[in-house]
Amino acid sequence: MSLKVNLVEYTPNPEKVVAAAAKLCYSSIGVDDIMKNLNEENTNKFINMLMSYGHHSPIEHVSFTFAIEGVSRSLTHQLVRHRLASYSQQSQRYVKLTQFEYIVPPEIEKSKKAKEVFISAMEKDQQVYDELVKLLKELAFSSLEEEYIRVNKSKSGEIDEKNLSHLLSKAEKKAIEDARYVFPNACETKIIVTMNARELMHFFGERCCNRAQWEIRAMANEMLMEVKKVSPVLFKYSGPDCVRGICPEGSMTCGKILEVRELYLNKQI
């Protein structure tokens, strides 16, 4: 399954909101008058000045929400380390994966033999998961059935159709809760992510870098292209930290700072 990043919601007129928030700090007039006096030209000019001063607190007032699919659990383990954000991820505890999708790393994709081994492992994981779900469901149902009969003091041992369906559903949920432990980091997942603009800029600085892991870097670049469509001035200089200054990686630099700046500043990303 291929990467899919959609900007599903964002603060309306994000640059105007940021400009108004910043101007309010130094203005004797109210917000209504500030907003009324802001047009596209003076908003863009003020945003550029604001960013050059490094006055970043006003940009926290706007947020962006992304729907992301076709990424691995390995990626989301990295993503949620960015704590100033909100996440809602597809649950393996409540969603039974009858045929799980998985992400194939590019280096494995290049090798026919490596890919065969990898896919074989994925297929085996699905088989083991299915087997565990079946076994654990039977065990869970047996326990739930005994409890139901005991509580309801059923002498016949029979369970009506409605309660039977409920117990089977409950047993399956209990089964997949433990069976999911066999799934690999490659397992595809879906996640909704919301970040304010300041945290997004920090995220881009870390994850658009050439030294970031390939999958999260590809996702970060897609996210950056999405926000540039709706807020091009605010994210004008976003990207790896070296776009705006020296490379922070020291001796571990990729050594391609000029290429990176060309890529991000010329709006290719």
Foldseek 3Di string as FASTA:
>chain_A
DDKDKDFPDKDPPLLLQLLLQVVVVPDPDDSVVSSVPDDPVVSLVSLLVCVVVVVPPSLQVMKIKMKIWDAFLLLVVVVVVLPQKDKDKDDLLQDPCLQWDFDDDPVCVVDPVSVVVVVVLSVVLNVQLVVQLVVQLVVQLVVVLVVVCVVVVDPVSDDDPVVSVVSSSVSSSVRSNPSVVSDDRRTIIIMMMMHGLVSLLVVQQPQCAPPHPPRSNVVNVVVLLNVCVNVVSNCLQGHHPLLPHNHPPPPPHPPPSVVRNCCRNVPVD
